[in-house]
N, C-alpha and C. Protein backbone atom coordinates (compact mmCIF):
# COMPACT_ATOMS: atom_id res chain seq x y z
N UNK A 1 47.41 11.26 -42.03
CA UNK A 1 48.77 11.79 -42.30
C UNK A 1 50.25 11.17 -41.64
N UNK A 2 50.91 11.19 -42.34
CA UNK A 2 52.31 10.70 -41.62
C UNK A 2 53.42 11.28 -41.85
N UNK A 3 54.57 11.53 -40.64
CA UNK A 3 55.79 12.04 -40.62
C UNK A 3 56.90 10.91 -40.72
N UNK A 4 57.82 11.50 -41.85
CA UNK A 4 58.99 10.30 -41.77
C UNK A 4 60.28 11.05 -42.10
N UNK A 5 61.38 10.72 -41.34
CA UNK A 5 62.66 11.09 -41.61
C UNK A 5 63.90 10.28 -41.74
N UNK A 6 64.68 10.76 -42.64
CA UNK A 6 65.76 10.16 -43.03
C UNK A 6 66.64 9.86 -41.52
N UNK A 7 67.39 8.75 -41.16
CA UNK A 7 68.44 8.79 -39.97
C UNK A 7 69.51 8.71 -40.36
N UNK A 8 70.19 8.56 -41.05
CA UNK A 8 71.55 8.56 -41.27
C UNK A 8 72.14 9.69 -41.74
N UNK A 9 72.12 10.93 -40.61
CA UNK A 9 72.67 12.19 -40.73
C UNK A 9 73.90 12.58 -41.21
N UNK A 10 74.90 11.39 -41.06
CA UNK A 10 76.27 11.77 -41.34
C UNK A 10 76.33 11.71 -43.50
N UNK A 11 75.36 10.94 -43.85
CA UNK A 11 75.25 10.82 -45.35
C UNK A 11 75.54 11.94 -46.09
N UNK A 12 74.83 13.13 -45.54
CA UNK A 12 74.82 14.44 -46.30
C UNK A 12 76.38 15.26 -46.30
N UNK A 13 76.92 14.88 -45.31
CA UNK A 13 78.41 15.47 -45.41
C UNK A 13 79.71 14.81 -46.03
N UNK A 14 79.40 13.45 -45.68
CA UNK A 14 80.07 12.64 -46.53
C UNK A 14 79.91 12.61 -48.08
N UNK A 15 78.82 12.67 -48.67
CA UNK A 15 78.31 12.78 -50.23
C UNK A 15 79.23 14.28 -50.61
N UNK A 16 79.07 15.23 -49.90
CA UNK A 16 79.25 16.74 -49.96
C UNK A 16 80.74 16.45 -50.46
N UNK A 17 81.68 16.10 -49.21
CA UNK A 17 83.17 16.18 -48.97
C UNK A 17 83.35 15.00 -50.42
N UNK A 18 82.85 14.20 -50.81
CA UNK A 18 83.04 13.43 -51.89
C UNK A 18 83.24 14.10 -53.24
N UNK A 19 82.11 14.99 -53.23
CA UNK A 19 81.86 15.72 -54.43
C UNK A 19 82.83 16.59 -54.72
N UNK A 20 82.88 17.42 -53.35
CA UNK A 20 84.16 18.69 -53.03
C UNK A 20 85.51 17.77 -53.91
N UNK A 21 85.89 17.01 -53.30
CA UNK A 21 87.39 15.99 -53.56
C UNK A 21 87.24 16.18 -55.03
N UNK A 22 86.22 15.44 -55.96
CA UNK A 22 86.14 15.20 -56.57
C UNK A 22 86.50 16.14 -57.66
N UNK A 23 86.00 17.27 -57.31
CA UNK A 23 85.86 18.81 -58.29
C UNK A 23 87.02 19.30 -58.13
N UNK A 24 88.28 19.11 -57.31
CA UNK A 24 89.60 19.61 -57.06
C UNK A 24 90.54 19.48 -58.09
N UNK A 25 91.13 20.21 -58.51
CA UNK A 25 92.44 20.10 -59.42
C UNK A 25 93.97 19.43 -58.39
N UNK A 26 94.69 18.86 -59.16
CA UNK A 26 95.62 18.41 -58.44
C UNK A 26 96.30 19.34 -57.43
N UNK A 27 96.86 20.47 -57.87
CA UNK A 27 96.93 21.28 -57.02
C UNK A 27 96.32 21.86 -56.11
N UNK A 28 94.97 21.73 -55.88
CA UNK A 28 93.85 22.03 -54.82
C UNK A 28 93.99 20.87 -53.80
N UNK A 29 94.06 19.40 -54.55
CA UNK A 29 94.21 18.17 -53.45
C UNK A 29 95.24 18.29 -52.62
N UNK A 30 95.97 19.22 -53.40
CA UNK A 30 97.55 18.87 -52.29
C UNK A 30 97.51 20.10 -51.56
N UNK A 31 97.21 21.00 -51.77
CA UNK A 31 96.72 22.08 -50.69
C UNK A 31 96.22 21.46 -49.61
N UNK A 32 95.03 20.64 -49.90
CA UNK A 32 94.09 20.35 -48.92
C UNK A 32 94.76 19.49 -47.88
N UNK A 33 95.49 18.43 -48.69
CA UNK A 33 96.47 17.31 -48.17
C UNK A 33 97.27 18.56 -46.92
N UNK A 34 98.12 19.15 -47.27
CA UNK A 34 99.07 20.31 -47.08
C UNK A 34 97.99 20.61 -45.35
N UNK A 35 97.06 21.19 -45.81
CA UNK A 35 96.39 22.02 -44.93
C UNK A 35 95.67 20.94 -43.61
N UNK A 36 95.80 19.96 -44.07
CA UNK A 36 94.81 18.70 -43.14
C UNK A 36 96.27 18.36 -42.34
N UNK A 37 97.47 17.98 -42.96
CA UNK A 37 98.49 17.46 -42.25
C UNK A 37 98.62 18.47 -41.30
N UNK A 38 98.85 19.97 -41.42
CA UNK A 38 99.49 20.93 -40.69
C UNK A 38 98.24 21.10 -39.27
N UNK A 39 97.03 20.90 -39.65
CA UNK A 39 95.98 20.87 -38.72
C UNK A 39 96.66 19.86 -37.63
N UNK A 40 96.46 18.14 -38.15
CA UNK A 40 96.68 17.51 -37.41
C UNK A 40 97.76 17.66 -36.42
N UNK A 41 99.04 17.88 -37.19
CA UNK A 41 100.18 17.85 -36.47
C UNK A 41 99.79 19.14 -35.33
N UNK A 42 99.31 20.56 -35.56
CA UNK A 42 99.15 21.14 -34.65
C UNK A 42 98.24 20.94 -33.52
N UNK A 43 97.33 20.16 -34.07
CA UNK A 43 96.57 19.71 -32.71
C UNK A 43 97.21 18.95 -31.74
N UNK A 44 97.93 18.08 -32.06
CA UNK A 44 98.92 17.01 -31.49
C UNK A 44 99.57 17.65 -30.79
N UNK A 45 100.71 18.72 -31.21
CA UNK A 45 101.56 19.45 -30.38
C UNK A 45 100.85 20.37 -29.34
N UNK A 46 99.61 21.15 -29.72
CA UNK A 46 98.92 21.87 -28.60
C UNK A 46 98.54 20.62 -27.38
N UNK A 47 98.06 19.73 -27.94
CA UNK A 47 97.69 18.59 -27.11
C UNK A 47 98.39 18.11 -25.71
N UNK A 48 100.08 17.66 -26.57
CA UNK A 48 100.91 17.36 -25.67
C UNK A 48 101.32 18.68 -24.82
N UNK A 49 101.47 19.72 -25.68
CA UNK A 49 102.30 20.77 -24.84
C UNK A 49 101.14 21.07 -23.76
N UNK A 50 99.96 21.35 -23.69
CA UNK A 50 98.92 21.55 -22.44
C UNK A 50 98.65 20.29 -21.88
N UNK A 51 98.82 19.02 -21.89
CA UNK A 51 98.85 17.86 -20.87
C UNK A 51 100.29 18.13 -20.00
N UNK A 52 101.36 18.36 -20.60
CA UNK A 52 102.60 18.45 -20.12
C UNK A 52 102.51 19.79 -19.38
N UNK A 53 101.52 20.78 -19.26
CA UNK A 53 101.53 21.82 -18.38
C UNK A 53 100.84 21.14 -17.17
N UNK A 54 99.86 20.82 -17.32
CA UNK A 54 99.09 20.02 -16.56
C UNK A 54 99.75 18.98 -15.55
N UNK A 55 100.59 18.50 -15.96
CA UNK A 55 101.22 17.49 -15.20
C UNK A 55 102.08 18.13 -14.50
N UNK A 56 102.92 18.80 -15.15
CA UNK A 56 103.68 19.60 -14.32
C UNK A 56 103.13 20.24 -13.12
N UNK A 57 102.00 21.36 -13.55
CA UNK A 57 101.38 21.96 -12.14
C UNK A 57 100.80 20.92 -11.36
N UNK A 58 100.34 19.43 -11.12
CA UNK A 58 99.96 18.74 -10.54
C UNK A 58 101.18 18.14 -9.33
N UNK A 59 102.53 18.15 -10.32
CA UNK A 59 103.83 17.71 -9.45
C UNK A 59 104.29 18.97 -8.74
N UNK A 60 103.92 19.95 -9.19
CA UNK A 60 104.27 21.05 -8.28
C UNK A 60 103.24 21.33 -7.15
N UNK A 61 102.15 21.13 -7.11
CA UNK A 61 100.75 21.32 -6.28
C UNK A 61 101.40 20.45 -5.24
N UNK A 62 101.69 19.17 -5.63
CA UNK A 62 101.72 18.12 -4.84
C UNK A 62 103.13 18.25 -3.50
N UNK A 63 103.90 19.21 -3.78
CA UNK A 63 105.47 19.28 -2.93
C UNK A 63 104.71 20.01 -1.76
N UNK A 64 103.62 20.74 -2.00
CA UNK A 64 103.38 21.79 -0.68
C UNK A 64 102.79 21.34 0.39
N UNK A 65 103.58 21.43 1.62
CA UNK A 65 103.47 20.28 3.02
C UNK A 65 102.21 20.86 3.25
N UNK A 66 101.60 19.80 3.98
CA UNK A 66 99.98 19.72 4.52
C UNK A 66 100.57 19.91 5.89
N UNK A 67 99.92 20.99 6.27
CA UNK A 67 100.12 21.09 7.90
C UNK A 67 99.42 20.43 8.75
N UNK A 68 99.57 19.94 10.31
CA UNK A 68 99.29 19.38 11.30
C UNK A 68 97.61 19.38 11.58
N UNK A 69 97.39 20.79 11.80
CA UNK A 69 96.25 21.61 12.83
C UNK A 69 95.48 21.31 11.24
N UNK A 70 94.89 20.87 11.68
CA UNK A 70 93.16 20.57 10.67
C UNK A 70 92.91 21.98 10.23
N UNK A 71 92.41 22.89 11.19
CA UNK A 71 91.88 24.44 10.57
C UNK A 71 92.98 24.70 9.32
N UNK A 72 94.02 24.85 9.59
CA UNK A 72 95.20 25.06 8.59
C UNK A 72 94.84 24.80 7.35
N UNK A 73 95.16 23.15 7.47
CA UNK A 73 94.72 22.40 6.32
C UNK A 73 93.89 23.26 5.40
N UNK A 74 92.65 23.51 5.98
CA UNK A 74 91.76 23.68 5.30
C UNK A 74 91.70 25.28 3.93
N UNK A 75 92.74 26.20 4.92
CA UNK A 75 93.06 27.07 4.22
C UNK A 75 94.38 26.46 2.98
N UNK A 76 94.88 25.68 3.40
CA UNK A 76 95.93 25.11 2.51
C UNK A 76 95.25 24.34 1.35
N UNK A 77 94.08 23.83 1.40
CA UNK A 77 93.72 23.14 0.51
C UNK A 77 92.73 23.89 -0.49
N UNK A 78 92.22 25.42 -0.10
CA UNK A 78 91.45 26.32 -0.72
C UNK A 78 92.51 27.03 -1.66
N UNK A 79 93.59 27.54 -1.06
CA UNK A 79 94.59 27.82 -1.73
C UNK A 79 95.20 27.05 -2.82
N UNK A 80 95.63 25.61 -2.75
CA UNK A 80 95.68 24.90 -3.55
C UNK A 80 94.76 25.17 -4.94
N UNK A 81 93.78 24.87 -4.57
CA UNK A 81 92.58 25.02 -5.47
C UNK A 81 92.94 26.04 -6.50
N UNK A 82 92.56 27.45 -5.81
CA UNK A 82 92.64 28.44 -6.52
C UNK A 82 94.13 28.70 -7.24
N UNK A 83 94.87 28.03 -6.85
CA UNK A 83 96.42 28.23 -7.59
C UNK A 83 96.67 27.17 -8.45
N UNK A 84 95.56 25.98 -8.79
CA UNK A 84 95.08 25.22 -9.76
C UNK A 84 94.62 25.75 -10.80
N UNK A 85 93.21 26.35 -10.61
CA UNK A 85 92.63 27.20 -11.66
C UNK A 85 93.69 28.32 -12.16
N UNK A 86 94.26 29.20 -10.94
CA UNK A 86 95.09 30.27 -11.88
C UNK A 86 96.61 29.24 -12.93
N UNK A 87 97.03 28.45 -12.37
CA UNK A 87 98.00 27.82 -13.15
C UNK A 87 97.49 27.63 -14.47
N UNK A 88 96.17 26.70 -14.26
CA UNK A 88 95.44 26.22 -15.52
C UNK A 88 95.24 27.26 -16.72
N UNK A 89 94.84 28.19 -16.10
CA UNK A 89 94.50 29.32 -17.06
C UNK A 89 95.87 29.47 -17.70
N UNK A 90 97.26 30.19 -17.06
CA UNK A 90 98.34 30.36 -17.26
C UNK A 90 98.62 29.61 -18.35
N UNK A 91 98.82 28.33 -17.96
CA UNK A 91 99.05 27.06 -19.01
C UNK A 91 97.96 27.16 -20.21
N UNK A 92 97.00 27.48 -20.51
CA UNK A 92 96.31 27.80 -21.39
C UNK A 92 97.03 29.17 -22.25
N UNK A 93 97.11 30.09 -21.53
CA UNK A 93 97.88 31.06 -22.11
C UNK A 93 98.60 30.55 -22.91
N UNK A 94 99.98 30.10 -22.37
CA UNK A 94 101.02 29.95 -22.77
C UNK A 94 101.22 29.09 -24.20
N UNK A 95 100.05 27.75 -24.00
CA UNK A 95 99.90 27.01 -25.01
C UNK A 95 99.84 27.51 -26.08
N UNK A 96 98.90 28.43 -26.31
CA UNK A 96 98.06 29.43 -27.18
C UNK A 96 99.11 29.92 -27.60
N UNK A 97 99.86 30.55 -26.86
CA UNK A 97 101.08 31.24 -27.39
C UNK A 97 102.38 30.61 -28.30
N UNK A 98 102.57 29.54 -27.80
CA UNK A 98 103.60 29.00 -28.14
C UNK A 98 103.19 28.37 -29.34
N UNK A 99 101.98 27.64 -29.98
CA UNK A 99 101.60 27.31 -30.56
C UNK A 99 100.64 27.92 -31.61
N UNK A 100 100.80 29.00 -31.27
CA UNK A 100 99.98 30.22 -32.34
C UNK A 100 100.86 30.06 -33.42
N UNK A 101 101.83 29.93 -34.11
CA UNK A 101 102.81 30.17 -35.38
C UNK A 101 102.12 28.95 -35.81
N UNK A 102 102.00 27.70 -35.19
CA UNK A 102 101.73 26.71 -36.38
C UNK A 102 100.02 26.68 -36.52
N UNK A 103 98.81 27.10 -35.89
CA UNK A 103 97.72 27.58 -36.33
C UNK A 103 97.90 28.31 -37.43
N UNK A 104 98.73 29.71 -37.31
CA UNK A 104 98.71 30.60 -38.34
C UNK A 104 99.23 30.26 -39.16
N UNK A 105 100.02 29.43 -39.44
CA UNK A 105 100.32 28.24 -40.81
C UNK A 105 99.26 27.39 -41.45
N UNK A 106 98.11 26.76 -40.51
CA UNK A 106 97.01 26.38 -40.69
C UNK A 106 96.29 27.36 -41.74
N UNK A 107 96.13 28.40 -41.17
CA UNK A 107 94.99 29.61 -41.50
C UNK A 107 95.86 30.10 -42.96
N UNK A 108 96.80 29.81 -43.19
CA UNK A 108 97.61 30.36 -44.59
C UNK A 108 97.34 29.88 -45.76
N UNK A 109 96.60 28.26 -45.45
CA UNK A 109 96.54 27.76 -46.65
C UNK A 109 94.88 28.27 -47.58
N UNK A 110 95.32 28.44 -48.96
CA UNK A 110 94.16 29.21 -49.28
C UNK A 110 93.12 27.64 -49.85
N UNK A 111 92.06 27.24 -49.05
CA UNK A 111 91.52 25.82 -49.19
C UNK A 111 90.19 26.83 -50.41
N UNK A 112 90.33 25.99 -51.33
CA UNK A 112 89.12 26.14 -52.24
C UNK A 112 87.96 25.94 -51.58
N UNK A 113 86.68 26.60 -51.75
CA UNK A 113 85.49 26.60 -50.93
C UNK A 113 84.45 25.61 -51.87
N UNK A 114 83.67 25.28 -50.79
CA UNK A 114 82.94 24.32 -51.56
C UNK A 114 81.90 24.95 -52.53
N UNK A 115 81.66 24.41 -53.51
CA UNK A 115 80.73 25.15 -54.63
C UNK A 115 79.07 24.76 -54.27
N UNK A 116 78.30 25.99 -54.49
CA UNK A 116 76.90 25.32 -54.09
C UNK A 116 76.03 24.45 -54.53
N UNK A 117 76.42 23.80 -55.89
CA UNK A 117 75.90 22.89 -56.41
C UNK A 117 76.21 21.42 -55.85
N UNK A 118 77.21 21.53 -55.08
CA UNK A 118 77.64 20.32 -54.29
C UNK A 118 77.00 20.12 -53.26
N UNK A 119 75.89 21.18 -52.44
CA UNK A 119 75.16 21.16 -51.53
C UNK A 119 74.18 20.51 -51.86
N UNK A 120 73.45 20.64 -53.27
CA UNK A 120 72.45 19.90 -54.13
C UNK A 120 72.73 18.61 -54.10
N UNK A 121 73.65 18.25 -54.56
CA UNK A 121 74.22 16.70 -55.11
C UNK A 121 74.53 16.24 -53.50
N UNK A 122 75.14 16.72 -52.37
CA UNK A 122 74.90 16.21 -51.20
C UNK A 122 73.39 15.65 -51.09
N UNK A 123 72.28 16.40 -51.21
CA UNK A 123 71.11 15.82 -50.89
C UNK A 123 70.34 15.07 -51.80
N UNK A 124 70.97 14.28 -52.69
CA UNK A 124 70.58 13.27 -53.67
C UNK A 124 69.59 12.23 -52.78
N UNK A 125 70.22 11.69 -52.17
CA UNK A 125 69.84 10.67 -51.16
C UNK A 125 68.64 10.93 -50.45
N UNK A 126 68.38 12.18 -49.73
CA UNK A 126 67.44 12.77 -49.29
C UNK A 126 66.12 12.62 -50.39
N UNK A 127 66.20 13.08 -51.45
CA UNK A 127 65.48 13.60 -52.51
C UNK A 127 64.62 12.29 -53.27
N UNK A 128 65.74 11.35 -53.38
CA UNK A 128 64.75 10.06 -53.31
C UNK A 128 64.05 8.99 -52.37
N UNK A 129 64.78 9.48 -50.98
CA UNK A 129 64.08 8.89 -49.90
C UNK A 129 62.70 9.64 -49.61
N UNK A 130 62.56 10.35 -50.14
CA UNK A 130 61.20 11.29 -49.65
C UNK A 130 60.06 11.52 -50.81
N UNK A 131 60.58 10.69 -52.08
CA UNK A 131 60.25 11.16 -53.42
C UNK A 131 60.72 12.12 -53.75
N UNK A 132 61.03 13.06 -54.22
CA UNK A 132 60.87 14.39 -54.48
C UNK A 132 60.60 14.26 -56.00
N UNK A 133 59.78 14.84 -56.88
CA UNK A 133 59.84 14.77 -58.24
C UNK A 133 58.96 16.28 -58.84
N UNK A 134 59.22 16.14 -60.04
CA UNK A 134 58.23 17.36 -60.42
C UNK A 134 56.76 17.41 -60.58
N UNK A 135 55.96 18.15 -60.54
CA UNK A 135 56.18 19.30 -60.25
C UNK A 135 56.43 19.54 -58.96
N UNK A 136 57.15 20.76 -58.02
CA UNK A 136 57.49 21.00 -57.18
C UNK A 136 57.54 22.24 -57.09
N UNK A 137 57.47 22.85 -55.82
CA UNK A 137 57.44 24.32 -55.68
C UNK A 137 58.69 24.54 -54.52
N UNK A 138 59.10 25.84 -54.63
CA UNK A 138 59.85 26.12 -53.15
C UNK A 138 59.66 27.12 -52.55
N UNK A 139 59.23 27.16 -51.45
CA UNK A 139 58.57 28.81 -51.10
C UNK A 139 58.89 28.81 -49.51
N UNK A 140 58.54 29.30 -48.79
CA UNK A 140 59.14 30.09 -47.49
C UNK A 140 58.07 29.58 -46.55
N UNK A 141 58.26 29.12 -45.32
CA UNK A 141 57.43 28.69 -44.64
C UNK A 141 57.75 29.55 -43.29
N UNK A 142 56.29 30.48 -43.20
CA UNK A 142 56.28 31.63 -42.13
C UNK A 142 56.35 31.19 -40.94
N UNK A 143 55.13 30.39 -41.03
CA UNK A 143 54.94 29.52 -39.54
C UNK A 143 54.66 28.06 -39.47
N UNK A 144 54.77 27.25 -38.18
CA UNK A 144 54.44 26.14 -38.21
C UNK A 144 53.80 25.48 -36.96
N UNK A 145 53.25 24.39 -36.94
CA UNK A 145 52.94 24.04 -35.77
C UNK A 145 53.94 23.39 -35.16
N UNK A 146 54.74 22.69 -35.92
CA UNK A 146 56.21 22.04 -35.93
C UNK A 146 56.96 23.18 -36.00
N UNK A 147 57.50 23.20 -34.91
CA UNK A 147 58.31 25.37 -34.82
C UNK A 147 59.50 24.70 -35.59
N UNK A 148 60.48 23.81 -35.93
CA UNK A 148 61.01 23.15 -36.84
C UNK A 148 61.20 24.02 -38.43
N UNK A 149 59.69 23.96 -38.94
CA UNK A 149 60.06 24.56 -40.08
C UNK A 149 59.56 26.13 -40.14
N UNK A 150 59.33 26.60 -38.93
CA UNK A 150 59.22 27.84 -39.09
C UNK A 150 60.47 28.82 -39.30
N UNK A 151 59.94 29.58 -40.45
CA UNK A 151 61.14 30.82 -41.01
C UNK A 151 62.14 29.69 -41.92
N UNK A 152 61.62 28.56 -42.45
CA UNK A 152 62.77 27.93 -43.38
C UNK A 152 61.99 28.05 -44.62
N UNK A 153 62.82 27.52 -45.46
CA UNK A 153 62.38 27.47 -47.05
C UNK A 153 62.39 26.26 -47.27
N UNK A 154 61.04 25.84 -47.50
CA UNK A 154 60.47 24.48 -47.81
C UNK A 154 60.35 23.89 -49.05
N UNK A 155 59.89 22.37 -49.68
CA UNK A 155 59.55 22.30 -50.97
C UNK A 155 58.43 21.39 -50.58
N UNK A 156 57.40 21.78 -51.72
CA UNK A 156 56.04 21.04 -51.84
C UNK A 156 56.27 20.52 -53.17
N UNK A 157 55.78 19.08 -53.22
CA UNK A 157 55.55 18.22 -53.97
C UNK A 157 54.45 17.30 -54.00
N UNK A 158 53.78 16.24 -55.24
CA UNK A 158 52.98 15.38 -54.63
C UNK A 158 53.30 14.07 -55.11
N UNK A 159 53.58 13.03 -54.41
CA UNK A 159 53.73 11.81 -54.37
C UNK A 159 52.32 10.95 -54.53
N UNK A 160 51.95 10.59 -55.76
CA UNK A 160 50.69 9.51 -55.73
C UNK A 160 49.17 10.58 -55.04
N UNK A 161 49.08 9.84 -53.88
CA UNK A 161 47.80 10.87 -53.33
C UNK A 161 47.97 11.78 -52.49
N UNK A 162 49.61 12.04 -52.31
CA UNK A 162 49.79 12.31 -51.05
C UNK A 162 50.48 14.06 -50.96
N UNK A 163 50.02 14.80 -50.50
CA UNK A 163 50.68 16.24 -50.42
C UNK A 163 52.11 16.24 -49.44
N UNK A 164 53.54 16.24 -50.07
CA UNK A 164 54.59 16.47 -49.33
C UNK A 164 54.99 17.61 -48.81
N UNK A 165 55.70 17.97 -47.79
CA UNK A 165 56.08 19.25 -47.51
C UNK A 165 57.71 18.79 -46.60
N UNK A 166 58.70 19.62 -47.34
CA UNK A 166 59.75 18.90 -46.39
C UNK A 166 60.73 20.25 -46.68
N UNK A 167 61.70 20.23 -45.99
CA UNK A 167 63.10 21.14 -46.35
C UNK A 167 63.27 21.44 -47.47
N UNK A 168 64.26 22.60 -48.12
CA UNK A 168 64.48 22.69 -49.58
C UNK A 168 66.01 21.48 -49.82
N UNK A 169 65.06 20.87 -50.39
CA UNK A 169 66.03 19.64 -51.13
C UNK A 169 66.77 19.86 -52.13
N UNK A 170 66.38 20.88 -52.92
CA UNK A 170 66.79 21.40 -54.37
C UNK A 170 67.94 22.20 -54.38
N UNK A 171 68.56 23.21 -53.31
CA UNK A 171 69.48 24.18 -53.49
C UNK A 171 70.37 23.25 -52.50
N UNK A 172 69.43 22.14 -51.42
CA UNK A 172 70.33 21.34 -50.68
C UNK A 172 71.39 22.07 -49.41
N UNK A 173 71.72 21.09 -48.43
CA UNK A 173 73.07 21.79 -47.64
C UNK A 173 73.85 20.57 -47.27
N UNK A 174 74.47 20.95 -46.05
CA UNK A 174 75.98 20.20 -45.78
C UNK A 174 75.42 19.26 -45.21
N UNK A 175 74.78 19.52 -43.63
CA UNK A 175 74.82 18.59 -42.58
C UNK A 175 73.33 18.21 -42.62
N UNK A 176 73.37 17.01 -42.63
CA UNK A 176 72.10 16.24 -42.67
C UNK A 176 71.17 16.58 -41.22
N UNK A 177 71.84 17.25 -40.24
CA UNK A 177 70.52 17.55 -39.29
C UNK A 177 69.79 18.68 -39.74
N UNK A 178 70.12 19.33 -40.91
CA UNK A 178 69.23 20.37 -41.18
C UNK A 178 68.06 19.98 -42.03
N UNK A 179 68.12 18.54 -42.09
CA UNK A 179 67.04 17.76 -42.54
C UNK A 179 66.03 17.67 -41.62
N UNK A 180 64.76 18.40 -42.05
CA UNK A 180 63.49 18.68 -40.98
C UNK A 180 62.47 17.43 -41.29
N UNK A 181 62.63 16.30 -42.45
CA UNK A 181 61.81 15.28 -42.15
C UNK A 181 60.23 15.79 -43.11
N UNK A 182 59.76 14.76 -43.47
CA UNK A 182 58.41 15.05 -44.20
C UNK A 182 57.13 14.60 -43.79
N UNK A 183 56.04 15.84 -44.10
CA UNK A 183 54.96 15.51 -43.53
C UNK A 183 54.25 15.28 -44.60
N UNK A 184 53.26 14.25 -44.72
CA UNK A 184 52.72 13.89 -46.08
C UNK A 184 50.90 13.60 -45.90
N UNK A 185 50.49 14.49 -46.40
CA UNK A 185 48.83 14.73 -45.91
C UNK A 185 48.10 14.02 -46.98
N UNK A 186 47.14 13.51 -47.02
CA UNK A 186 46.03 13.01 -48.19
C UNK A 186 45.17 14.20 -48.47
N UNK A 187 44.21 14.42 -49.14
CA UNK A 187 43.54 15.43 -49.81
C UNK A 187 42.37 15.70 -49.12
N UNK A 188 42.11 14.61 -48.48
CA UNK A 188 40.37 14.93 -47.05
C UNK A 188 41.35 15.40 -45.97
N UNK A 189 42.44 15.33 -45.76
CA UNK A 189 43.00 15.68 -44.37
C UNK A 189 43.33 17.00 -44.14
N UNK A 190 43.40 17.92 -45.20
CA UNK A 190 43.77 19.37 -45.01
C UNK A 190 42.66 20.17 -45.37
N UNK A 191 43.11 21.34 -45.42
CA UNK A 191 42.13 22.36 -45.84
C UNK A 191 43.13 23.70 -45.90
N UNK A 192 42.57 24.18 -47.11
CA UNK A 192 43.67 25.19 -48.05
C UNK A 192 43.03 26.34 -47.70
N UNK A 193 43.85 27.44 -47.15
CA UNK A 193 43.10 28.89 -47.29
C UNK A 193 44.06 30.13 -47.72
N UNK A 194 43.41 31.33 -47.85
CA UNK A 194 43.93 32.27 -48.05
C UNK A 194 44.16 33.17 -46.85
N UNK A 195 45.19 33.75 -46.11
CA UNK A 195 45.17 34.26 -44.90
C UNK A 195 46.24 35.84 -45.51
N UNK A 196 45.99 36.77 -44.56
CA UNK A 196 46.62 38.22 -44.74
C UNK A 196 47.06 38.11 -43.13
N UNK A 197 48.41 38.46 -43.50
CA UNK A 197 49.52 38.56 -42.31
C UNK A 197 50.32 40.14 -42.82
N UNK A 198 49.73 41.14 -42.26
CA UNK A 198 49.91 42.50 -41.96
C UNK A 198 49.74 42.72 -43.60
N UNK A 199 50.81 43.28 -44.50
CA UNK A 199 50.49 42.93 -46.28
C UNK A 199 50.98 42.42 -46.80
N UNK A 200 50.76 41.46 -45.97
CA UNK A 200 51.66 39.84 -47.08
C UNK A 200 50.00 38.96 -47.12
N UNK A 201 50.11 38.18 -48.31
CA UNK A 201 49.04 37.28 -48.69
C UNK A 201 49.88 36.18 -48.33
N UNK A 202 49.37 34.96 -47.43
CA UNK A 202 50.17 33.88 -47.36
C UNK A 202 49.02 32.35 -47.37
N UNK A 203 49.47 31.92 -47.82
CA UNK A 203 48.72 30.38 -48.08
C UNK A 203 48.66 29.54 -46.79
N UNK A 204 47.68 28.95 -46.21
CA UNK A 204 47.50 28.50 -44.88
C UNK A 204 46.99 26.75 -45.14
N UNK A 205 48.11 26.11 -44.70
CA UNK A 205 47.37 24.67 -44.84
C UNK A 205 47.36 24.11 -43.45
N UNK A 206 46.14 23.60 -43.28
CA UNK A 206 46.13 22.71 -41.95
C UNK A 206 45.54 21.47 -42.02
N UNK A 207 45.71 21.05 -40.82
CA UNK A 207 44.89 19.51 -40.53
C UNK A 207 44.74 19.41 -38.87
N UNK A 208 44.20 18.40 -38.95
CA UNK A 208 44.30 17.82 -37.46
C UNK A 208 45.31 18.04 -36.59
N UNK A 209 46.51 17.72 -37.15
CA UNK A 209 47.82 17.12 -36.49
C UNK A 209 49.02 18.31 -36.92
N UNK A 210 49.05 18.94 -38.10
CA UNK A 210 50.02 19.88 -38.45
C UNK A 210 49.27 21.02 -39.14
N UNK A 211 49.98 22.26 -39.01
CA UNK A 211 49.43 23.59 -39.85
C UNK A 211 51.03 24.20 -40.33
N UNK A 212 50.38 24.84 -41.62
CA UNK A 212 51.63 25.58 -42.42
C UNK A 212 51.25 26.72 -42.59
N UNK A 213 51.97 27.98 -42.66
CA UNK A 213 51.75 29.18 -43.15
C UNK A 213 53.15 29.60 -44.12
N UNK A 214 52.23 29.70 -45.52
CA UNK A 214 53.38 29.47 -46.77
C UNK A 214 53.19 30.31 -47.47
N UNK A 215 54.55 30.63 -48.39
CA UNK A 215 54.31 32.05 -49.37
C UNK A 215 52.98 31.70 -50.30
N UNK A 216 52.54 32.73 -50.84
CA UNK A 216 50.88 32.57 -51.36
C UNK A 216 50.55 31.47 -52.39
N UNK A 217 51.89 31.80 -53.09
CA UNK A 217 52.21 30.76 -54.58
C UNK A 217 51.73 29.25 -54.21
N UNK A 218 52.33 28.91 -53.25
CA UNK A 218 52.07 27.42 -52.55
C UNK A 218 50.16 27.36 -53.02
N UNK A 219 49.60 28.39 -52.59
CA UNK A 219 48.24 28.21 -52.81
C UNK A 219 47.95 27.44 -54.13
N UNK A 220 48.05 28.52 -55.24
CA UNK A 220 47.76 27.84 -56.52
C UNK A 220 48.22 26.72 -56.86
N UNK A 221 49.54 26.50 -56.41
CA UNK A 221 50.22 25.08 -56.80
C UNK A 221 49.67 24.00 -56.45
N UNK A 222 49.04 24.02 -54.95
CA UNK A 222 48.43 22.98 -54.73
C UNK A 222 46.88 22.88 -54.93
N UNK A 223 46.31 23.52 -55.64
CA UNK A 223 45.28 23.59 -56.18
C UNK A 223 45.17 22.84 -57.56
N UNK A 224 46.25 23.28 -58.09
CA UNK A 224 46.61 23.00 -59.08
C UNK A 224 46.78 21.51 -59.78
N UNK A 225 47.91 21.39 -58.78
CA UNK A 225 48.32 19.58 -58.54
C UNK A 225 47.85 18.68 -58.05
N UNK A 226 47.02 19.06 -56.84
CA UNK A 226 46.71 17.94 -55.51
C UNK A 226 45.29 18.18 -55.44
N UNK A 227 44.83 19.30 -55.28
CA UNK A 227 43.03 19.30 -54.99
C UNK A 227 42.04 19.22 -56.37
């Protein structure tokens, strides 16, 4: 058995946005650019305004005189710390209140949603990397000794003399961190059996290192295409 995983997790997102941008009309691209401009502008204004409040608070608290008596200074310091957090919270509220119209403007843009087929295109490099080919089957993984596969849709296919189990690369996904990696097992390493879970029939694939509880149709697929 071997386990391997694609390392460049950012490529999915980059591919998806390239495909998404290419699918937009001129008007939609113009809308996206406007939304991006307003989002950046609002972020800069919010940051500058909040930092200005923080600087003003710092200058204000520095004007508080420090008493000569040591025990009195403890109370002044404690009061200053409390005042700092209270004024910081008030600053955050005023920053939100002042910049709310800008963020409302950002939310008013009707940005076109990313189409589902783009998620599949975003995973093309993963299908190549893992060697995905027909025939394949997409089924549910109810449980696994590798907990990240639990309750995930998985893709099962055969590459030469190995049975490969990875996440659903056909429907795809946007973010690369949803890639679970790939387990590749040889015939002599696995035991395939039928198991009943309550009223549900499931296929169990086990080896010394890993086990999967899969949708029952995985059993006939593995028997036909691998064993």
